[in-house]
Protein backbone atom coordinates (compact mmCIF):
# COMPACT_ATOMS: atom_id res chain seq x y z
CA MET A 1 -2.18 30.34 -20.39
CA ALA A 2 -0.23 29.26 -17.33
CA PRO A 3 -2.22 27.37 -14.67
CA SER A 4 -3.24 29.30 -11.60
CA THR A 5 -1.52 28.67 -8.30
CA PRO A 6 -3.34 26.17 -6.03
CA LEU A 7 -5.00 27.74 -3.01
CA LEU A 8 -4.76 26.31 0.49
CA THR A 9 -7.90 26.04 2.63
CA VAL A 10 -7.35 26.29 6.40
CA ARG A 11 -10.01 25.54 9.03
CA GLY A 12 -9.58 25.85 12.79
CA SER A 13 -10.65 27.67 15.92
CA GLU A 14 -9.46 30.91 14.30
CA GLY A 15 -11.99 30.46 11.51
CA LEU A 16 -12.08 29.34 7.88
CA TYR A 17 -9.80 31.11 5.44
CA MET A 18 -7.69 30.62 2.33
CA VAL A 19 -3.99 31.07 1.70
CA ASN A 20 -2.45 31.76 -1.71
CA GLY A 21 -0.18 28.95 -2.81
CA PRO A 22 3.53 29.04 -3.66
CA PRO A 23 5.52 31.18 -3.91
CA HIS A 24 3.70 33.94 -1.93
CA PHE A 25 1.68 32.16 0.82
CA THR A 26 -0.31 35.31 1.65
CA GLU A 27 -3.80 35.08 3.11
CA SER A 28 -6.63 35.63 0.66
CA THR A 29 -8.50 38.77 1.75
CA VAL A 30 -11.51 38.28 -0.52
CA PHE A 31 -12.69 35.03 1.06
CA PRO A 32 -15.72 35.62 3.35
CA ARG A 33 -16.95 33.20 6.03
CA VAL A 34 -19.82 31.56 4.12
CA ASN A 35 -21.02 28.07 3.40
CA ILE A 36 -20.40 27.57 -0.33
CA ILE A 37 -17.90 29.72 -2.19
CA SER A 38 -17.05 29.86 -5.87
CA VAL A 39 -13.25 30.10 -5.86
CA THR A 40 -13.41 31.43 -9.42
CA ASN A 41 -15.15 34.69 -8.58
CA LYS A 42 -15.10 34.47 -4.74
CA GLY A 43 -18.87 34.94 -4.66
CA LEU A 44 -21.49 33.46 -2.32
CA LEU A 45 -23.55 30.76 -4.03
CA HIS A 46 -25.86 29.43 -1.33
CA SER A 47 -26.25 29.23 2.42
CA PHE A 48 -27.94 26.26 4.10
CA ASP A 49 -29.37 26.09 7.59
CA LEU A 50 -28.16 22.67 8.72
CA PRO A 51 -27.22 23.02 12.41
CA LYS A 52 -26.93 19.25 13.01
CA ALA A 53 -24.92 18.36 9.90
CA VAL A 54 -21.58 16.77 10.77
CA CYS A 55 -20.43 15.50 7.35
CA LEU A 56 -20.52 16.99 3.88
CA GLU A 57 -19.08 16.02 0.51
CA PHE A 58 -19.20 17.44 -3.02
CA SER A 59 -19.71 15.27 -6.07
CA PRO A 60 -16.67 15.04 -8.41
CA LYS A 61 -17.88 17.86 -10.70
CA ASN A 62 -19.21 19.92 -7.76
CA THR A 63 -22.81 19.79 -8.98
CA VAL A 64 -24.22 18.00 -5.91
CA LEU A 65 -23.61 18.64 -2.20
CA ALA A 66 -24.20 15.66 0.12
CA THR A 67 -24.77 16.32 3.84
CA TRP A 68 -25.26 13.85 6.69
CA GLN A 69 -26.44 14.26 10.26
CA PRO A 70 -26.84 11.58 12.96
CA TYR A 71 -29.99 9.50 12.57
CA THR A 72 -32.46 9.84 15.44
CA THR A 73 -35.85 8.32 16.26
CA SER A 74 -38.62 9.78 18.37
CA LYS A 75 -39.32 8.62 21.91
CA ASP A 76 -42.46 6.75 20.86
CA GLY A 77 -40.37 4.55 18.55
CA THR A 78 -41.56 5.94 15.24
CA ALA A 79 -39.03 6.11 12.42
CA GLY A 80 -36.87 9.18 12.18
CA ILE A 81 -36.72 11.62 9.32
CA PRO A 82 -34.24 11.18 6.43
CA ASN A 83 -30.81 12.37 7.53
CA LEU A 84 -28.88 12.21 4.21
CA GLN A 85 -29.63 15.11 1.89
CA LEU A 86 -28.43 15.73 -1.66
CA TYR A 87 -28.55 19.37 -2.84
CA ASP A 88 -28.18 20.87 -6.29
CA VAL A 89 -25.30 23.30 -5.87
CA LYS A 90 -26.46 25.49 -8.75
CA THR A 91 -30.05 26.00 -7.59
CA GLY A 92 -29.78 25.13 -3.89
CA THR A 93 -32.77 22.78 -4.05
CA CYS A 94 -32.83 19.41 -2.30
CA LEU A 95 -32.71 16.69 -4.95
CA LYS A 96 -33.35 13.74 -2.65
CA SER A 97 -33.34 12.68 1.01
CA PHE A 98 -32.44 9.20 2.27
CA ILE A 99 -32.29 7.44 5.62
CA GLN A 100 -28.66 6.54 6.31
CA LYS A 101 -28.25 5.19 9.84
CA LYS A 102 -24.53 4.43 9.88
CA THR A 103 -21.74 6.94 9.55
CA GLN A 104 -19.60 4.36 7.74
CA ASN A 105 -19.87 4.81 3.95
CA TRP A 106 -22.58 7.43 4.43
CA CYS A 107 -21.78 9.31 1.23
CA PRO A 108 -22.94 8.02 -2.17
CA SER A 109 -20.21 7.24 -4.70
CA TRP A 110 -20.08 8.95 -8.08
CA SER A 111 -18.23 8.15 -11.26
CA GLU A 112 -15.81 10.91 -12.22
CA ASP A 113 -18.16 12.26 -14.90
CA GLU A 114 -21.18 11.97 -12.52
CA THR A 115 -23.06 9.83 -15.03
CA LEU A 116 -23.34 7.12 -12.39
CA CYS A 117 -24.02 7.30 -8.65
CA ALA A 118 -24.32 4.37 -6.24
CA ARG A 119 -25.10 3.69 -2.60
CA ASN A 120 -25.28 0.54 -0.46
CA VAL A 121 -28.77 -0.30 0.82
CA ASN A 122 -29.03 -3.50 2.90
CA ASN A 123 -28.07 -6.38 0.55
CA GLU A 124 -28.05 -4.29 -2.61
CA VAL A 125 -26.10 -1.57 -4.36
CA HIS A 126 -28.49 0.93 -5.94
CA PHE A 127 -27.33 2.77 -9.06
CA PHE A 128 -28.64 6.16 -10.25
CA GLU A 129 -27.89 7.76 -13.61
CA ASN A 130 -27.32 11.44 -14.44
CA ASN A 131 -28.08 12.51 -10.84
CA ASN A 132 -31.71 11.43 -11.17
CA PHE A 133 -32.22 10.11 -7.63
CA ASN A 134 -35.95 9.49 -8.03
CA THR A 135 -35.37 6.43 -10.23
CA ILE A 136 -33.14 3.46 -9.45
CA ALA A 137 -31.52 2.62 -12.80
CA ASN A 138 -29.98 -0.72 -11.74
CA LYS A 139 -29.44 -2.93 -8.71
CA LEU A 140 -26.63 -5.30 -7.77
CA HIS A 141 -27.91 -7.87 -5.29
CA LEU A 142 -25.54 -9.99 -3.19
CA GLN A 143 -26.44 -11.51 0.16
CA LYS A 144 -24.65 -9.72 3.04
CA ILE A 145 -22.78 -7.30 0.78
CA ASN A 146 -20.67 -5.12 3.06
CA ASP A 147 -18.87 -2.61 0.85
CA PHE A 148 -18.31 -1.54 -2.74
CA VAL A 149 -15.99 0.79 -4.67
CA LEU A 150 -16.67 2.32 -8.10
CA SER A 151 -13.80 2.39 -10.56
CA PRO A 152 -12.21 5.71 -11.56
CA GLY A 153 -12.08 7.02 -15.11
CA PRO A 154 -14.58 7.01 -17.99
CA GLN A 155 -16.93 4.29 -19.24
CA PRO A 156 -17.21 1.35 -19.10
CA TYR A 157 -17.75 1.67 -15.35
CA LYS A 158 -16.72 -1.15 -13.06
CA VAL A 159 -17.50 -1.90 -9.44
CA ALA A 160 -15.69 -3.99 -6.82
CA VAL A 161 -17.90 -5.52 -4.12
CA TYR A 162 -16.97 -7.24 -0.87
CA VAL A 163 -18.96 -9.94 0.93
CA PRO A 164 -17.61 -11.13 4.30
CA GLY A 165 -17.40 -14.84 5.01
CA SER A 166 -19.76 -16.63 7.40
CA LYS A 167 -20.31 -20.14 8.79
CA GLY A 168 -16.99 -21.42 7.48
CA ALA A 169 -17.40 -19.93 4.01
CA PRO A 170 -14.62 -17.62 2.80
CA SER A 171 -14.93 -13.90 2.18
CA PHE A 172 -14.76 -12.76 -1.43
CA VAL A 173 -14.33 -9.72 -3.65
CA ARG A 174 -15.91 -9.66 -7.11
CA LEU A 175 -15.46 -7.26 -9.99
CA TYR A 176 -18.39 -6.37 -12.25
CA GLN A 177 -18.85 -4.15 -15.28
CA TYR A 178 -21.91 -1.91 -15.13
CA PRO A 179 -24.69 -2.82 -15.82
CA ASN A 180 -23.88 -6.52 -16.40
CA PHE A 181 -24.86 -7.98 -13.02
CA ALA A 182 -27.17 -10.87 -13.96
CA GLY A 183 -26.17 -14.50 -14.38
CA PRO A 184 -23.64 -16.79 -12.68
CA HIS A 185 -20.80 -15.70 -14.99
CA ALA A 186 -21.45 -11.97 -14.89
CA ALA A 187 -18.46 -11.22 -12.66
CA LEU A 188 -15.26 -10.17 -14.41
CA ALA A 189 -13.15 -11.66 -11.62
CA ASN A 190 -13.56 -13.29 -8.23
CA LYS A 191 -11.11 -13.70 -5.35
CA SER A 192 -11.93 -15.70 -2.22
CA PHE A 193 -9.91 -15.62 0.99
CA PHE A 194 -10.13 -16.39 4.69
CA LYS A 195 -8.91 -14.24 7.59
CA ALA A 196 -10.86 -11.13 6.73
CA ASP A 197 -12.96 -9.12 9.18
CA LYS A 198 -12.74 -6.08 6.90
CA VAL A 199 -11.14 -5.12 3.60
CA THR A 200 -9.83 -2.05 1.82
CA MET A 201 -10.26 -2.07 -1.97
CA LEU A 202 -8.00 0.12 -4.11
CA TRP A 203 -8.60 0.57 -7.85
CA ASN A 204 -5.72 1.66 -10.05
CA LYS A 205 -6.22 4.79 -12.15
CA LYS A 206 -6.92 2.89 -15.38
CA ALA A 207 -9.50 0.65 -13.66
CA THR A 208 -7.75 -2.54 -14.76
CA ALA A 209 -6.98 -4.01 -11.33
CA VAL A 210 -7.84 -3.81 -7.63
CA LEU A 211 -5.63 -4.31 -4.60
CA VAL A 212 -7.41 -5.76 -1.58
CA ILE A 213 -6.02 -5.43 1.93
CA ALA A 214 -7.77 -8.07 4.03
CA SER A 215 -7.52 -7.52 7.79
CA THR A 216 -8.48 -9.38 10.93
CA ASP A 217 -9.07 -7.60 14.22
CA VAL A 218 -7.10 -10.20 16.18
CA ASP A 219 -3.98 -12.13 15.23
CA LYS A 220 -4.68 -15.59 16.65
CA THR A 221 -0.96 -16.43 16.59
CA GLY A 222 -0.29 -13.54 18.98
CA ALA A 223 2.47 -12.18 16.74
CA SER A 224 0.86 -8.77 16.17
CA TYR A 225 -1.20 -6.34 18.21
CA TYR A 226 -2.68 -4.97 14.97
CA GLY A 227 -4.33 -8.20 13.88
CA GLU A 228 -3.31 -9.94 10.68
CA GLN A 229 -3.26 -8.55 7.13
CA THR A 230 -2.88 -10.07 3.69
CA LEU A 231 -2.62 -8.35 0.30
CA HIS A 232 -4.45 -9.63 -2.76
CA TYR A 233 -4.37 -8.59 -6.43
CA ILE A 234 -7.43 -8.90 -8.69
CA ALA A 235 -7.50 -7.85 -12.36
CA THR A 236 -10.52 -7.27 -14.58
CA ASN A 237 -9.17 -9.88 -17.01
CA GLY A 238 -9.80 -12.55 -14.37
CA GLU A 239 -6.27 -12.88 -13.02
CA SER A 240 -5.73 -12.86 -9.24
CA ALA A 241 -2.88 -13.53 -6.85
CA VAL A 242 -1.73 -13.20 -3.28
CA VAL A 243 1.06 -10.62 -3.07
CA GLN A 244 3.95 -12.33 -1.29
CA LEU A 245 5.50 -9.88 1.19
CA PRO A 246 9.06 -10.83 2.21
CA LYS A 247 8.71 -9.61 5.82
CA ASN A 248 6.11 -10.65 8.38
CA GLY A 249 4.02 -8.09 10.19
CA PRO A 250 1.29 -5.51 9.59
CA ILE A 251 0.57 -3.90 6.22
CA TYR A 252 0.69 -0.18 6.96
CA ASP A 253 -0.01 1.26 3.53
CA VAL A 254 -0.47 0.28 -0.11
CA VAL A 255 -0.64 2.84 -2.92
CA TRP A 256 -0.89 2.67 -6.72
CA ASN A 257 1.34 4.67 -9.01
CA SER A 258 -0.67 6.95 -11.33
CA SER A 259 0.72 4.92 -14.26
CA SER A 260 -1.34 1.92 -13.01
CA THR A 261 1.60 -0.38 -13.79
CA GLU A 262 3.09 -0.68 -10.30
CA PHE A 263 2.26 -0.23 -6.64
CA CYS A 264 4.18 0.31 -3.41
CA ALA A 265 3.56 -1.54 -0.14
CA VAL A 266 4.85 -0.60 3.32
CA TYR A 267 4.76 -3.63 5.61
CA GLY A 268 6.45 -5.73 8.29
CA PHE A 269 7.33 -5.27 11.92
CA MET A 270 9.33 -2.13 12.61
CA PRO A 271 11.60 -1.13 11.03
CA ALA A 272 9.17 -1.64 8.16
CA LYS A 273 10.06 -2.63 4.60
CA ALA A 274 8.85 -0.81 1.49
CA THR A 275 8.76 -2.53 -1.90
CA ILE A 276 7.50 -1.63 -5.36
CA PHE A 277 5.71 -4.47 -7.21
CA ASN A 278 4.66 -4.80 -10.85
CA LEU A 279 1.38 -6.19 -12.19
CA ARG A 280 2.73 -9.75 -11.93
CA CYS A 281 3.15 -9.07 -8.21
CA ASP A 282 6.92 -9.50 -8.59
CA PRO A 283 9.14 -7.10 -6.59
CA VAL A 284 10.70 -4.38 -8.74
CA PHE A 285 12.64 -2.37 -6.16
CA ASP A 286 13.26 -2.88 -2.44
CA PHE A 287 13.75 0.28 -0.35
CA GLY A 288 15.10 -1.69 2.59
CA THR A 289 13.79 -1.05 6.10
CA GLY A 290 13.19 2.12 8.06
CA PRO A 291 10.86 3.99 10.45
CA ARG A 292 7.94 4.33 8.05
CA ASN A 293 4.23 3.54 7.87
CA ALA A 294 2.97 5.46 4.82
CA ALA A 295 3.71 5.98 1.11
CA TYR A 296 2.64 8.84 -1.17
CA TYR A 297 3.17 9.00 -4.95
CA SER A 298 3.30 12.46 -6.51
CA PRO A 299 0.43 13.32 -8.91
CA HIS A 300 2.68 12.56 -11.91
CA GLY A 301 3.94 9.30 -10.36
CA HIS A 302 7.66 10.10 -10.73
CA ILE A 303 8.35 10.85 -7.03
CA LEU A 304 7.56 8.68 -4.03
CA VAL A 305 7.59 9.79 -0.39
CA LEU A 306 8.01 7.13 2.31
CA ALA A 307 7.10 8.57 5.70
CA GLY A 308 6.70 7.62 9.35
CA PHE A 309 3.88 9.57 11.00
CA GLY A 310 1.64 8.96 14.01
CA ASN A 311 3.73 7.30 16.70
CA LEU A 312 6.87 7.70 14.58
CA ARG A 313 9.08 10.80 14.39
CA GLY A 314 7.95 12.12 11.04
CA GLN A 315 10.99 11.07 9.01
CA MET A 316 10.43 11.23 5.25
CA GLU A 317 12.36 9.76 2.33
CA VAL A 318 11.77 11.41 -1.05
CA TRP A 319 12.66 9.10 -3.96
CA ASP A 320 12.98 9.54 -7.70
CA VAL A 321 11.24 6.29 -8.70
CA LYS A 322 12.29 6.48 -12.34
CA ASN A 323 15.97 6.21 -11.44
CA TYR A 324 15.51 4.89 -7.87
CA LYS A 325 17.59 7.70 -6.46
CA LEU A 326 17.12 9.29 -3.04
CA ILE A 327 16.36 13.03 -3.35
CA SER A 328 16.02 14.22 0.25
CA LYS A 329 15.29 13.10 3.81
CA PRO A 330 13.32 15.88 5.57
CA VAL A 331 11.71 15.46 9.00
CA ALA A 332 8.17 16.70 9.74
CA SER A 333 7.81 16.00 13.45
CA ASP A 334 4.35 15.45 14.98
CA SER A 335 2.63 15.53 11.59
CA THR A 336 -0.89 14.16 11.39
CA TYR A 337 -1.58 15.05 7.75
CA PHE A 338 0.30 14.85 4.45
CA ALA A 339 -0.74 15.90 0.94
CA TRP A 340 0.95 16.46 -2.40
CA CYS A 341 0.20 19.76 -4.13
CA PRO A 342 -1.46 19.23 -7.55
CA ASP A 343 1.63 20.78 -9.18
CA GLY A 344 3.71 17.74 -8.12
CA GLU A 345 6.45 19.93 -6.62
CA HIS A 346 5.20 20.98 -3.19
CA ILE A 347 4.20 19.02 -0.11
CA LEU A 348 1.86 19.96 2.74
CA THR A 349 2.33 18.57 6.25
CA ALA A 350 0.18 19.59 9.20
CA THR A 351 -0.39 18.94 12.89
CA CYS A 352 -4.14 19.07 13.51
CA ALA A 353 -6.56 18.65 16.39
CA PRO A 354 -8.07 16.50 17.75
CA ARG A 355 -5.24 14.06 16.88
CA LEU A 356 -2.81 16.46 18.59
CA ARG A 357 -3.93 19.54 20.43
CA VAL A 358 -0.49 21.09 20.93
CA ASN A 359 1.95 22.56 18.42
CA ASN A 360 -0.77 22.81 15.78
CA GLY A 361 0.25 24.31 12.43
CA TYR A 362 1.24 23.48 8.89
CA LYS A 363 4.30 23.61 6.61
CA ILE A 364 4.77 23.82 2.85
CA TRP A 365 7.83 21.94 1.59
CA HIS A 366 9.59 21.59 -1.71
CA TYR A 367 10.29 17.93 -2.42
CA THR A 368 14.04 18.65 -2.23
CA GLY A 369 13.60 19.14 1.53
CA SER A 370 13.33 22.96 1.83
CA ILE A 371 10.59 24.50 4.01
CA LEU A 372 9.06 27.31 1.93
CA HIS A 373 6.32 28.40 4.34
CA LYS A 374 5.44 27.69 7.95
CA TYR A 375 2.49 28.70 10.11
CA ASP A 376 2.19 27.93 13.84
CA VAL A 377 -1.23 28.27 15.42
CA PRO A 378 -1.26 30.30 18.69
CA SER A 379 -1.08 28.16 21.82
CA ASN A 380 -4.69 28.94 22.74
CA ALA A 381 -6.03 27.96 19.30
CA GLU A 382 -6.40 24.76 17.25
CA LEU A 383 -6.00 23.75 13.62
CA TRP A 384 -8.65 21.31 12.47
CA GLN A 385 -8.14 20.89 8.74
CA VAL A 386 -5.97 22.09 5.88
CA SER A 387 -6.15 21.01 2.24
CA TRP A 388 -5.06 21.93 -1.28
CA GLN A 389 -7.43 23.22 -3.91
CA PRO A 390 -8.09 20.29 -6.29
CA PHE A 391 -7.21 20.48 -9.99
CA LEU A 392 -7.88 18.18 -12.91
CA ASP A 393 -5.13 15.87 -14.09
CA GLY A 394 -2.85 17.39 -16.69
CA VAL A 395 -3.29 21.02 -15.61
CA PHE A 396 0.24 21.08 -14.22
CA PRO A 397 2.85 19.45 -16.49
CA ALA A 398 5.53 17.24 -14.99
CA LYS A 399 8.90 18.94 -14.52
CA THR A 400 12.42 17.55 -14.52
CA ILE A 401 13.42 16.29 -11.09
CA THR A 402 16.10 18.32 -9.32
CA TYR A 403 18.25 17.02 -6.48
CA GLN A 404 19.61 20.33 -5.22
CA ALA A 405 17.59 21.89 -2.38
CA VAL A 406 15.73 24.99 -3.58
CA PRO A 407 16.51 28.26 -1.73
CA SER A 408 14.17 29.30 1.08
CA GLU A 409 13.85 32.21 3.47
CA VAL A 410 12.46 29.93 6.16
CA PRO A 411 15.30 28.62 8.33
CA SER A 412 15.72 24.88 8.27
CA GLU A 413 14.83 23.03 11.42
CA GLU A 414 17.20 20.57 12.96
CA PRO A 415 15.20 17.76 14.54
CA LYS A 416 15.70 17.34 18.25
CA VAL A 417 17.63 14.17 18.94
CA ALA A 418 16.31 12.47 22.05
CA THR A 419 19.02 10.78 24.06
CA ALA A 420 18.37 7.24 25.17
CA TYR A 421 17.59 6.61 28.82
CA ARG A 422 20.54 5.27 30.79
CA PRO A 423 20.09 3.78 34.25
CA PRO A 424 22.15 5.41 37.02
CA ALA A 425 24.54 2.46 37.23
CA LEU A 426 25.60 2.95 33.58
CA ARG A 427 25.78 6.76 33.39
CA ASN A 428 29.48 6.97 34.21
CA LYS A 429 30.47 4.15 31.90
CA PRO A 430 31.37 4.30 28.19
CA ILE A 431 28.44 4.32 25.78
CA THR A 432 28.23 1.25 23.59
CA ASN A 433 26.68 1.74 20.16
CA SER A 434 24.07 -0.98 19.98
CA LYS A 435 20.87 -1.03 17.94
CA LEU A 436 17.67 -2.82 18.74
CA HIS A 437 17.08 -3.35 15.01
CA GLU A 438 19.60 -3.38 12.19
CA GLU A 439 18.12 -1.40 9.31
CA GLU A 440 18.45 -2.90 5.86
CA PRO A 441 19.61 -0.42 3.18
CA PRO A 442 17.86 -0.01 -0.18
CA GLN A 443 18.90 -2.63 -2.72
CA ASN A 444 20.96 -0.18 -4.79
CA MET A 445 22.93 0.87 -1.71
CA LYS A 446 23.92 -2.61 -0.57
CA SER A 447 27.57 -3.56 -0.64
CA GLN A 448 27.29 -6.58 -2.90
CA SER A 449 27.94 -6.05 -6.57
CA GLY A 450 25.92 -7.23 -9.52
CA ASN A 451 22.33 -6.76 -10.45
CA ASP A 452 20.48 -5.78 -7.27
CA LYS A 453 16.98 -5.82 -8.71
CA PRO A 454 14.84 -8.60 -7.18
CA LEU A 455 14.44 -11.47 -9.59
CA SER A 456 11.10 -12.82 -10.75
CA LYS A 457 10.17 -16.42 -9.98
CA THR A 458 11.14 -17.58 -13.48
CA ALA A 459 14.42 -15.65 -13.47
CA LEU A 460 15.27 -17.03 -10.02
CA LYS A 461 14.59 -20.57 -11.19
CA ASN A 462 16.79 -20.10 -14.27
CA GLN A 463 19.53 -18.55 -12.16
CA ARG A 464 19.54 -21.56 -9.84
CA LYS A 465 19.79 -23.96 -12.79
CA HIS A 466 22.61 -21.92 -14.30
CA GLU A 467 24.55 -21.90 -11.04
CA ALA A 468 24.07 -25.65 -10.62
CA LYS A 469 25.28 -26.39 -14.17
CA LYS A 470 28.24 -24.07 -13.69
CA ALA A 471 29.18 -25.86 -10.46
CA ALA A 472 28.90 -29.26 -12.18
CA LYS A 473 31.16 -28.14 -15.04
CA GLN A 474 33.76 -26.84 -12.61
CA GLU A 475 33.70 -30.12 -10.72
CA ALA A 476 34.08 -32.13 -13.94
CA ARG A 477 36.93 -29.88 -15.08
CA SER A 478 38.73 -30.29 -11.77
CA ASP A 479 38.38 -34.08 -12.01
CA LYS A 480 39.94 -34.11 -15.52
CA SER A 481 42.78 -31.70 -14.62
CA PRO A 482 44.30 -32.80 -11.29
CA ASP A 483 47.56 -30.94 -12.05
CA LEU A 484 45.73 -27.61 -11.62
CA ALA A 485 45.61 -28.39 -7.90
CA PRO A 486 42.17 -27.03 -7.07
CA THR A 487 41.22 -26.54 -3.44
CA PRO A 488 40.22 -30.02 -2.23
CA ALA A 489 36.70 -30.42 -0.90
CA PRO A 490 36.18 -32.19 2.42
CA GLN A 491 35.97 -35.94 1.96
CA SER A 492 32.71 -36.10 3.86
CA THR A 493 30.93 -33.78 1.41
CA PRO A 494 28.39 -35.84 -0.57
CA ARG A 495 28.03 -35.48 -4.33
CA ASN A 496 24.50 -34.16 -4.02
CA THR A 497 25.64 -30.80 -2.57
CA ILE A 498 26.08 -29.29 -6.05
CA SER A 499 23.01 -27.16 -5.44
CA GLN A 500 21.30 -26.78 -2.11
CA SER A 501 18.66 -24.41 -3.51
CA ILE A 502 15.25 -25.55 -4.62
CA SER A 503 14.37 -25.74 -8.30
CA GLY A 504 11.17 -23.71 -8.15
CA ASP A 505 9.05 -26.63 -9.47
CA PRO A 506 7.05 -28.28 -6.65
CA GLU A 507 7.04 -31.72 -8.31
CA ILE A 508 10.82 -31.70 -8.89
CA ASP A 509 11.43 -30.43 -5.35
CA LYS A 510 9.37 -33.33 -4.01
CA LYS A 511 11.40 -35.87 -6.00
CA ILE A 512 14.69 -34.30 -4.85
CA LYS A 513 13.55 -34.47 -1.24
CA ASN A 514 12.64 -38.18 -1.56
CA LEU A 515 15.97 -39.01 -3.24
CA LYS A 516 17.95 -37.29 -0.50
CA LYS A 517 15.94 -39.20 2.08
CA LYS A 518 16.84 -42.52 0.39
CA LEU A 519 20.53 -41.56 0.10
CA LYS A 520 20.62 -40.64 3.78
CA ALA A 521 19.19 -44.06 4.64
CA ILE A 522 21.86 -45.72 2.47
CA GLU A 523 24.60 -43.77 4.31
CA GLN A 524 23.22 -45.04 7.60
CA LEU A 525 23.21 -48.65 6.32
CA LYS A 526 26.83 -48.32 5.16
CA GLU A 527 27.83 -47.03 8.58
CA GLN A 528 26.10 -50.02 10.21
CA ALA A 529 27.92 -52.41 7.87
CA ALA A 530 31.24 -50.74 8.73
CA THR A 531 30.68 -51.51 12.40
CA GLY A 532 30.25 -55.19 11.57
CA LYS A 533 26.47 -55.44 11.65
CA GLN A 534 24.97 -58.13 9.43
CA LEU A 535 22.63 -56.50 6.83
CA GLU A 536 19.52 -58.04 5.33
CA LYS A 537 19.25 -58.85 1.62
CA ASN A 538 16.90 -55.93 0.88
CA GLN A 539 19.29 -53.57 2.73
CA LEU A 540 22.20 -54.70 0.58
CA GLU A 541 20.06 -54.13 -2.53
CA LYS A 542 19.40 -50.56 -1.36
CA ILE A 543 23.16 -49.91 -1.08
CA GLN A 544 23.66 -51.21 -4.63
CA LYS A 545 21.20 -48.55 -5.90
CA GLU A 546 23.27 -45.66 -4.50
CA THR A 547 25.03 -44.84 -7.78
CA ALA A 548 21.78 -44.71 -9.77
CA LEU A 549 20.10 -42.57 -7.13
CA LEU A 550 23.00 -40.12 -7.09
CA GLN A 551 22.88 -39.83 -10.87
CA GLU A 552 19.12 -39.24 -10.82
CA LEU A 553 19.50 -36.58 -8.10
CA GLU A 554 22.24 -34.82 -10.04
CA ASP A 555 20.11 -34.79 -13.21
CA LEU A 556 17.16 -33.26 -11.34
CA GLU A 557 19.26 -30.55 -9.69
CA LEU A 558 20.84 -29.63 -13.02
CA GLY A 559 17.43 -29.40 -14.65
CA ILE A 560 18.13 -32.17 -17.20
């Protein structure tokens, strides 16, 4: 049986309604304006009278509805009533009420099978099993715990917890496996770091590793308005690393591929770089630079969209990340929302209030760049939210990627090109093509030949040794065969310029640096002697060591 077409839920000042997904995009006429709807039979399940509720969330299997309203106290100072309610969707009864004062992380977190539920209470994470909220099954206690994230997928469940630093102590993230929380060695992994006012923790789909974006509110160096960010990798096997990003600047977005074997980071001062890294935190593919601040993998992980939304113009790059081939470059101007359709073929972009209150509407795209459906909200109305109907993984099989734009009855939109401002004194003069920033092309579109994939640390070290040995052999060959008339090197070039690159080994690099320092001192002594200056005995002994030092330097640079 073929999977049904995903529905689109639209909420705005015109009301709440549903739209049939591709290829028809017609409004669903059987959807009434009620609180909870079964999209299977379009029937009313329950209606709740919650006039002050401002947030609501369903549990992963839609068995529990969580609602939150602002916490208030009475004028006489007595404690307020519980403001976080958990309802049984099937029966409509309230399972449990809690006091949750802060909006941040108000909603409890469930495992995907709803066997486990957790919420942060003061210095503890409370765990409930099988939606029994009257009994706390387990507790994880850490002083000043600020946040936690449950791992996706089935058992064994894991949890990542964050504790901010204080009084000179570093912040740290620890990984635990439920319910093993007791003892000093209970943690699966631990990563400490400074410069962290807040963190974002991202589990991969297989729950084998977490990416941590550590952020500070203020960059003390003054280099960035956005504060300072660092990216850390922590694996459940105990491994951890700092992800080295080749360009300085903010980290705009980090996203895991659904394969859990690689991730993409968008970072650096504009134009921002985008790079795919493997689990060793080595770069796999560099997309160059461009006007982008977000990345979105398709549900099947074979397509990646790099986009520039917010204060950027909405330019998107759609990439086939199996072959690293650019598919399309559509432009979704003024977009405030982006989402992949569960079928992995269609894309939703929208302009919603209150982020933007003009030109509200949404578009459905095919990843090849064609607009298949477009809806513009009337000028006196607003669009607040639009989202795809969720489906379980595997419902829609992955299809072969096509590079030819699919046909569409919606006319393509040519983005308006804004002309640069020219002062009156320059308006009658020829326009010079100058760019504020030179954009770097993707690595497979650069002009240089050869293997363009970024090398790992080990491969780079071996390449440097190979190049140094090759240069030494060529020099030796030219010395033995003067009749070949090679291009003479400048006489002032010292022998130790065979390889100016570092070896990759800190100890060897330190020795090389010290040897070069000694050779430079010897050169200075020889120059002094040439001018007629009388040298001391120890200075003459230093000059006599020049040959041995040069040989030792050459051996180190060749990796002998």
